[in-house]
Protein backbone atom coordinates (compact mmCIF):
# COMPACT_ATOMS: atom_id res chain seq x y z
CA MET A 1 0.00 0.00 0.00
CA ASP A 2 1.22 3.51 -0.79
CA ILE A 3 1.70 5.34 2.50
CA ILE A 4 3.12 8.84 2.89
CA SER A 5 3.69 11.16 5.81
CA ILE A 6 2.70 14.82 6.07
CA ILE A 7 4.61 17.09 8.44
CA PRO A 8 2.97 20.53 8.89
CA ALA A 9 5.54 23.21 9.75
CA ARG A 10 4.65 26.87 9.40
CA GLY A 11 7.16 29.59 10.13
CA GLY A 12 5.19 31.58 12.67
CA SER A 13 4.82 30.52 16.28
CA LYS A 14 3.79 32.66 19.23
CA GLY A 15 4.63 30.31 22.10
CA ILE A 16 8.13 29.41 20.86
CA PRO A 17 9.41 31.72 18.10
CA ARG A 18 10.67 29.84 15.02
CA LYS A 19 9.79 26.67 16.90
CA ASN A 20 9.99 24.20 14.04
CA ILE A 21 13.67 24.92 13.34
CA LYS A 22 14.74 25.87 16.86
CA LEU A 23 17.67 23.68 17.92
CA LEU A 24 16.74 20.82 20.21
CA ASN A 25 19.75 18.87 21.47
CA GLY A 26 21.76 20.38 18.63
CA LYS A 27 19.30 19.63 15.80
CA PRO A 28 16.32 21.59 14.41
CA LEU A 29 13.06 20.42 15.92
CA ILE A 30 11.68 19.28 12.57
CA TYR A 31 14.65 16.93 12.15
CA TYR A 32 13.17 14.43 14.60
CA SER A 33 9.87 14.00 12.72
CA ILE A 34 11.56 13.84 9.31
CA GLU A 35 14.09 11.29 10.53
CA ALA A 36 11.43 9.14 12.22
CA SER A 37 9.36 9.18 9.03
CA LYS A 38 12.29 8.31 6.78
CA SER A 39 13.28 5.45 9.11
CA CYS A 40 9.83 3.84 8.86
CA ASN A 41 9.86 1.20 6.12
CA PHE A 42 6.13 1.58 5.49
CA ILE A 43 6.41 5.24 4.45
CA SER A 44 7.35 5.80 0.82
CA LYS A 45 7.64 9.60 0.87
CA THR A 46 7.90 12.31 3.50
CA PHE A 47 6.28 15.67 2.75
CA VAL A 48 6.73 18.89 4.70
CA SER A 49 4.04 21.54 4.24
CA THR A 50 5.39 25.04 4.87
CA GLU A 51 5.25 28.62 3.64
CA ASP A 52 8.65 29.39 5.10
CA ASP A 53 11.77 29.44 2.91
CA GLU A 54 14.18 28.55 5.72
CA ILE A 55 12.07 25.62 6.90
CA SER A 56 11.77 24.51 3.29
CA GLU A 57 15.54 24.58 2.75
CA ILE A 58 16.28 22.72 5.99
CA SER A 59 13.60 20.10 5.29
CA LYS A 60 14.99 19.39 1.83
CA LYS A 61 18.50 19.00 3.23
CA LEU A 62 17.12 16.52 5.74
CA GLY A 63 15.69 14.42 2.93
CA SER A 64 12.01 15.35 2.77
CA GLN A 65 10.00 16.73 -0.09
CA VAL A 66 8.41 20.15 0.40
CA ILE A 67 4.97 21.36 -0.62
CA LYS A 68 4.80 25.15 -0.54
CA ARG A 69 1.86 26.25 1.56
CA PRO A 70 -0.11 29.39 0.63
CA LEU A 71 0.09 32.22 3.16
CA ASN A 72 -3.63 32.04 3.95
CA LEU A 73 -2.98 28.55 5.38
CA ALA A 74 -0.04 29.69 7.51
CA ASN A 75 -1.61 31.97 10.10
CA ASP A 76 -2.77 31.38 13.68
CA LYS A 77 -6.31 30.60 12.55
CA SER A 78 -5.34 28.04 9.89
CA SER A 79 -6.60 24.54 10.65
CA SER A 80 -4.59 21.35 10.26
CA ILE A 81 -7.43 19.88 8.20
CA ASP A 82 -7.22 22.68 5.62
CA VAL A 83 -3.45 22.16 5.40
CA ILE A 84 -3.98 18.43 4.84
CA PHE A 85 -6.56 19.15 2.12
CA HIS A 86 -4.05 21.41 0.38
CA VAL A 87 -1.40 18.66 0.42
CA LEU A 88 -3.84 16.00 -0.81
CA ASP A 89 -5.13 18.25 -3.60
CA TYR A 90 -1.54 18.95 -4.66
CA LEU A 91 -0.71 15.24 -4.74
CA GLU A 92 -3.91 14.40 -6.60
CA ASP A 93 -3.02 16.96 -9.27
CA LYS A 94 0.31 15.12 -9.61
CA ASN A 95 -1.47 11.75 -9.82
CA SER A 96 0.31 10.79 -6.58
CA LEU A 97 -2.56 10.52 -4.12
CA PRO A 98 -1.65 7.86 -1.51
CA GLU A 99 -3.91 5.15 -0.14
CA ILE A 100 -3.00 6.06 3.45
CA PHE A 101 -1.30 9.05 5.00
CA VAL A 102 0.27 9.68 8.39
CA LEU A 103 0.23 13.13 9.99
CA LEU A 104 3.33 13.77 12.10
CA GLN A 105 3.43 17.01 14.04
CA PRO A 106 6.96 18.37 14.66
CA THR A 107 6.04 19.15 18.27
CA SER A 108 6.31 15.45 19.16
CA PRO A 109 10.07 14.87 18.84
CA LEU A 110 10.14 11.91 21.23
CA ARG A 111 7.93 9.83 18.95
CA THR A 112 10.08 7.14 17.30
CA SER A 113 10.09 5.42 13.93
CA LYS A 114 9.08 2.25 15.82
CA ASP A 115 6.00 4.08 17.10
CA ILE A 116 5.07 5.01 13.54
CA THR A 117 5.67 1.46 12.32
CA ASN A 118 3.61 -0.05 15.13
CA ALA A 119 0.80 2.43 14.56
CA ILE A 120 0.64 1.68 10.84
CA GLU A 121 0.64 -2.07 11.50
CA LEU A 122 -2.19 -1.58 14.00
CA PHE A 123 -4.15 0.50 11.50
CA LYS A 124 -3.70 -2.03 8.70
CA SER A 125 -4.61 -5.04 10.85
CA ASN A 126 -7.87 -3.62 12.22
CA GLU A 127 -11.22 -2.79 10.70
CA CYS A 128 -11.01 0.94 11.28
CA ASP A 129 -11.21 4.27 9.49
CA SER A 130 -8.52 6.12 11.41
CA LEU A 131 -5.97 5.89 14.18
CA VAL A 132 -4.81 8.49 16.71
CA SER A 133 -2.02 8.23 19.26
CA VAL A 134 -2.93 8.65 22.92
CA SER A 135 -1.44 8.40 26.37
CA GLU A 136 -3.07 7.75 29.71
CA LEU A 137 -4.50 10.82 31.40
CA ASN A 138 -2.86 11.62 34.71
CA HIS A 139 -5.30 10.65 37.43
CA GLN A 140 -4.74 14.00 39.12
CA SER A 141 -6.20 15.65 36.04
CA LEU A 142 -9.54 14.02 36.85
CA LEU A 143 -9.71 15.94 40.11
CA ASN A 144 -10.14 19.38 38.61
CA PHE A 145 -12.01 22.58 39.43
CA SER A 146 -13.33 25.73 37.78
CA LEU A 147 -13.87 29.11 39.41
CA ASN A 148 -17.25 30.68 40.17
CA GLU A 149 -17.06 34.17 41.66
CA GLY A 150 -13.66 33.33 43.12
CA TYR A 151 -14.69 30.01 44.68
CA LEU A 152 -13.57 26.54 43.55
CA VAL A 153 -16.26 24.40 41.95
CA GLN A 154 -15.70 20.68 41.45
CA ASN A 155 -15.92 19.63 37.80
CA THR A 156 -15.34 15.98 38.66
CA GLU A 157 -17.89 13.58 40.11
CA LYS A 158 -17.65 13.90 43.89
CA GLU A 159 -17.00 10.22 44.51
CA PHE A 160 -13.73 10.51 42.59
CA PHE A 161 -12.34 12.80 45.29
CA ASN A 162 -12.87 10.11 47.91
CA SER A 163 -11.43 7.27 45.82
CA ARG A 164 -7.98 5.75 45.90
CA ARG A 165 -5.89 6.54 42.83
CA GLN A 166 -5.92 2.89 41.73
CA ASP A 167 -9.73 2.86 41.90
CA LEU A 168 -10.17 5.81 39.56
CA PRO A 169 -11.25 5.07 35.95
CA THR A 170 -8.61 5.16 33.22
CA TYR A 171 -9.00 7.88 30.60
CA TYR A 172 -6.91 8.64 27.56
CA VAL A 173 -5.79 11.92 26.06
CA LEU A 174 -4.53 12.73 22.57
CA ASN A 175 -0.77 13.26 22.57
CA GLY A 176 -0.57 14.75 19.07
CA ALA A 177 2.19 12.44 17.86
CA ILE A 178 0.56 10.23 15.18
CA TYR A 179 -2.64 10.43 13.12
CA ILE A 180 -3.43 7.92 10.37
CA THR A 181 -6.30 7.71 7.90
CA THR A 182 -7.16 7.68 4.18
CA PRO A 183 -7.74 10.65 1.87
CA ASP A 184 -11.35 9.57 1.36
CA PHE A 185 -12.11 9.48 5.07
CA ILE A 186 -10.54 12.84 5.90
CA ARG A 187 -12.27 14.55 2.99
CA LYS A 188 -15.64 13.09 3.90
CA ASN A 189 -15.45 13.71 7.64
CA LYS A 190 -13.10 16.73 7.84
CA SER A 191 -11.68 15.04 10.93
CA PHE A 192 -9.55 12.10 12.04
CA TYR A 193 -12.31 10.97 14.39
CA GLY A 194 -15.27 8.77 13.61
CA ASP A 195 -17.17 5.74 14.86
CA ARG A 196 -14.25 3.47 13.93
CA THR A 197 -11.24 5.37 15.24
CA ILE A 198 -8.73 3.25 17.14
CA PRO A 199 -6.02 4.33 19.59
CA TYR A 200 -2.29 3.77 19.53
CA LEU A 201 -1.16 3.93 23.14
CA MET A 202 2.18 5.62 23.81
CA PRO A 203 3.97 5.95 27.16
CA LYS A 204 3.97 9.35 28.83
CA GLU A 205 7.73 9.70 28.49
CA ARG A 206 7.35 9.79 24.67
CA SER A 207 4.15 11.81 24.67
CA ILE A 208 5.42 15.29 25.53
CA ASP A 209 3.97 17.84 23.11
CA LEU A 210 6.15 20.94 22.82
CA ASP A 211 3.85 23.88 23.46
CA THR A 212 5.82 26.18 25.75
CA PRO A 213 9.48 27.17 26.28
CA LEU A 214 9.44 25.03 29.44
CA ASP A 215 8.38 21.97 27.41
CA PHE A 216 11.30 22.65 25.09
CA LYS A 217 13.77 22.83 27.97
CA ILE A 218 12.45 19.61 29.50
CA VAL A 219 12.75 17.61 26.28
CA ASP A 220 16.17 19.10 25.52
CA PHE A 221 17.32 18.01 28.98
CA LEU A 222 15.90 14.49 28.53
CA MET A 223 17.59 14.08 25.16
CA ARG A 224 20.93 15.24 26.49
CA CYS A 225 20.67 12.79 29.39
CA ASP A 226 19.98 9.94 26.93
CA ASP A 227 23.08 10.92 24.93
CA GLU A 228 25.36 10.70 27.96
């Protein structure tokens, strides 16, 4: 089956300026997603979608193909789905539309090629329309509050607060690392989620999504420790 990866990487970023090419353990952040994709035997081609010339040049040097993204799909309000549609339309015009595609966000640098391989194998071996990677939700996150006129209001069922941690239900949260589906499904549903979406469970230590400068420092530290 023809399987490609799509790595969305715009130039602008408010939380971490120039995030996608900021050095992480000595390499640009996007390196880790490109390398993981290229190291997966299932993936025939790796595409980076970007409007940014510097990201484009770095991505090509790292061995990916680049699809130039229009500026109207590179602002803070641009959706990932619209970016995917642009890539799929481009490939269809080139008569290169894949049977399956994998979305790999650069902000998940701890995701490995083995994760991608395992996720694709899981997708192919199940009767499903899509796959998303998840990790277990921290049990403490279940015990949360909102504020009402300055006072804490429990959002969680009260019995959870009186339960032992091991007695609490297990929930899962998207970690943003891997999304898999077909062009037909994404075009029809405008989403990766449907009645037949399956999970690929990843451990918390590989599920950090870089969203803040602190996240970046934590992952940089972890990578440097692994290199020692």
